[in-house]
Amino acid sequence: MRAGALALLARREYARGELASALQRKGYSRDAVSEALSELAGEGLLNDGRYAESLVRQLMGRGQGPVRIRQALQEAGISPDLAAAAIEAGGDFHALATETRRRRFGAEPPTDWPERARQMRFLQYRGFSKDHIGRALGG
């Protein structure tokens, strides 16, 4: 059991809920998984806070905003409080929205309404709030 958990953790960081699901899919019992994960967490090998920070950095590097990041953390089983703290520590989402828009559409902000709406939809899909989008579009 422990060897299976360590083999998974050697490949990448996992949230506790993700690792529990992966081990249960491999056929381990819920009680054995819970016990092994508690041991790993006690040794510092499994840490939801570290996972959340890592995922926030990774998704910000891909140009995704706080809404998408919060959703990804929730899907990974990270608590809302831990997710909020990781997102808050992540950085400046206004600058990220502006940079993401520039990479996709160029340095000049849109001048006509159809292009502005297109860029707004793109940034909204990426998970940025209306405030972030407004600043990124120069409004």
Protein backbone atom coordinates (compact mmCIF):
# COMPACT_ATOMS: atom_id res chain seq x y z
CA MET A 1 0.00 0.00 0.00
CA ARG A 2 2.64 2.52 1.08
CA ALA A 3 4.85 1.55 -1.85
CA GLY A 4 1.98 2.18 -4.25
CA ALA A 5 1.34 5.60 -2.76
CA LEU A 6 5.03 6.50 -2.90
CA ALA A 7 5.26 5.34 -6.52
CA LEU A 8 2.41 7.69 -7.44
CA LEU A 9 3.91 10.57 -5.44
CA ALA A 10 7.28 10.05 -7.12
CA ARG A 11 5.72 10.97 -10.46
CA ARG A 12 3.97 14.18 -9.38
CA GLU A 13 2.40 16.01 -6.45
CA TYR A 14 -1.08 14.82 -5.43
CA ALA A 15 -3.84 16.21 -3.26
CA ARG A 16 -4.96 13.87 -0.52
CA GLY A 17 -8.34 13.24 -2.17
CA GLU A 18 -6.77 12.52 -5.57
CA LEU A 19 -4.28 10.08 -4.12
CA ALA A 20 -6.98 8.31 -2.10
CA SER A 21 -9.10 7.87 -5.23
CA ALA A 22 -6.15 6.59 -7.24
CA LEU A 23 -5.23 4.03 -4.59
CA GLN A 24 -8.84 2.87 -4.17
CA ARG A 25 -9.07 2.36 -7.93
CA LYS A 26 -6.04 0.08 -7.63
CA GLY A 27 -8.03 -2.08 -5.23
CA TYR A 28 -6.84 -0.98 -1.79
CA SER A 29 -9.42 -0.72 0.98
CA ARG A 30 -10.64 2.65 2.18
CA ASP A 31 -9.30 2.10 5.73
CA ALA A 32 -5.85 1.06 4.53
CA VAL A 33 -5.69 4.04 2.19
CA SER A 34 -6.72 6.44 4.96
CA GLU A 35 -4.09 5.06 7.31
CA ALA A 36 -1.31 5.20 4.70
CA LEU A 37 -2.21 8.75 3.69
CA SER A 38 -2.19 9.88 7.32
CA GLU A 39 1.33 8.45 7.70
CA LEU A 40 2.52 10.15 4.51
CA ALA A 41 0.98 13.47 5.58
CA GLY A 42 2.66 13.14 8.98
CA GLU A 43 6.02 12.66 7.28
CA GLY A 44 5.46 15.69 5.06
CA LEU A 45 5.31 13.65 1.85
CA LEU A 46 1.66 14.52 1.23
CA ASN A 47 0.61 18.14 1.70
CA ASP A 48 -2.56 19.69 0.28
CA GLY A 49 -1.21 23.22 0.80
CA ARG A 50 1.90 22.49 -1.23
CA TYR A 51 -0.21 20.83 -3.92
CA ALA A 52 -2.54 23.84 -4.10
CA GLU A 53 0.36 26.28 -4.45
CA SER A 54 1.92 24.13 -7.14
CA LEU A 55 -1.32 23.88 -9.11
CA VAL A 56 -1.92 27.63 -8.85
CA ARG A 57 1.59 28.34 -10.24
CA GLN A 58 1.11 25.81 -13.02
CA LEU A 59 -2.27 27.16 -14.13
CA MET A 60 -1.18 30.78 -13.87
CA GLY A 61 1.73 29.87 -16.13
CA ARG A 62 -0.83 28.69 -18.67
CA GLY A 63 -2.64 32.04 -18.45
CA GLN A 64 -5.66 30.87 -16.47
CA GLY A 65 -7.53 33.10 -14.05
CA PRO A 66 -8.76 32.62 -10.50
CA VAL A 67 -12.17 31.21 -11.44
CA ARG A 68 -10.67 28.35 -13.46
CA ILE A 69 -7.99 27.78 -10.83
CA ARG A 70 -10.56 27.61 -8.02
CA GLN A 71 -12.54 25.07 -10.03
CA ALA A 72 -9.45 22.91 -10.60
CA LEU A 73 -8.60 23.02 -6.89
CA GLN A 74 -12.16 22.07 -5.98
CA GLU A 75 -12.05 19.12 -8.40
CA ALA A 76 -8.81 17.99 -6.75
CA GLY A 77 -10.52 17.95 -3.36
CA ILE A 78 -8.78 20.98 -1.86
CA SER A 79 -10.77 22.73 0.88
CA PRO A 80 -12.24 26.13 -0.03
CA ASP A 81 -10.16 27.90 2.64
CA LEU A 82 -6.91 26.35 1.41
CA ALA A 83 -7.85 27.10 -2.20
CA ALA A 84 -8.60 30.75 -1.39
CA ALA A 85 -5.27 31.13 0.42
CA ALA A 86 -3.33 29.58 -2.47
CA ILE A 87 -5.07 31.78 -5.04
CA GLU A 88 -4.50 34.89 -2.93
CA ALA A 89 -0.80 34.08 -2.67
CA GLY A 90 -0.63 33.30 -6.39
CA GLY A 91 0.02 36.78 -7.67
CA ASP A 92 -1.42 39.63 -9.69
CA PHE A 93 -4.33 38.41 -11.82
CA HIS A 94 -4.84 41.85 -13.39
CA ALA A 95 -1.36 41.71 -14.90
CA LEU A 96 -1.86 38.08 -15.90
CA ALA A 97 -5.12 38.90 -17.71
CA THR A 98 -3.42 41.75 -19.56
CA GLU A 99 -0.46 39.56 -20.53
CA THR A 100 -2.72 36.68 -21.60
CA ARG A 101 -4.70 39.08 -23.82
CA ARG A 102 -1.51 40.50 -25.32
CA ARG A 103 -0.10 37.06 -26.11
CA ARG A 104 -3.27 36.03 -27.87
CA PHE A 105 -4.38 39.24 -29.61
CA GLY A 106 -1.37 41.59 -29.75
CA ALA A 107 -0.36 44.75 -27.92
CA GLU A 108 -3.13 47.04 -29.16
CA PRO A 109 -6.45 46.95 -27.26
CA PRO A 110 -9.56 46.34 -29.36
CA THR A 111 -11.19 49.37 -30.93
CA ASP A 112 -14.48 47.97 -32.22
CA TRP A 113 -17.22 46.25 -30.26
CA PRO A 114 -17.16 42.81 -32.00
CA GLU A 115 -13.43 42.42 -31.37
CA ARG A 116 -13.79 43.64 -27.78
CA ALA A 117 -16.57 41.09 -27.19
CA ARG A 118 -14.42 38.33 -28.70
CA GLN A 119 -11.52 39.15 -26.39
CA MET A 120 -13.85 39.40 -23.40
CA ARG A 121 -15.23 35.92 -24.11
CA PHE A 122 -11.71 34.54 -24.42
CA LEU A 123 -10.63 35.99 -21.06
CA GLN A 124 -13.87 34.87 -19.41
CA TYR A 125 -13.29 31.34 -20.67
CA ARG A 126 -9.79 31.49 -19.21
CA GLY A 127 -11.33 32.20 -15.79
CA PHE A 128 -10.85 35.92 -15.28
CA SER A 129 -13.41 38.08 -13.50
CA LYS A 130 -15.15 41.09 -15.06
CA ASP A 131 -12.78 43.40 -13.16
CA HIS A 132 -9.70 41.63 -14.55
CA ILE A 133 -11.17 41.63 -18.07
CA GLY A 134 -12.07 45.31 -17.92
CA ARG A 135 -8.54 46.29 -16.94
CA ALA A 136 -6.97 43.97 -19.51
CA LEU A 137 -9.03 45.60 -22.25
CA GLY A 138 -8.09 49.08 -21.13
CA GLY A 139 -11.45 49.98 -19.66
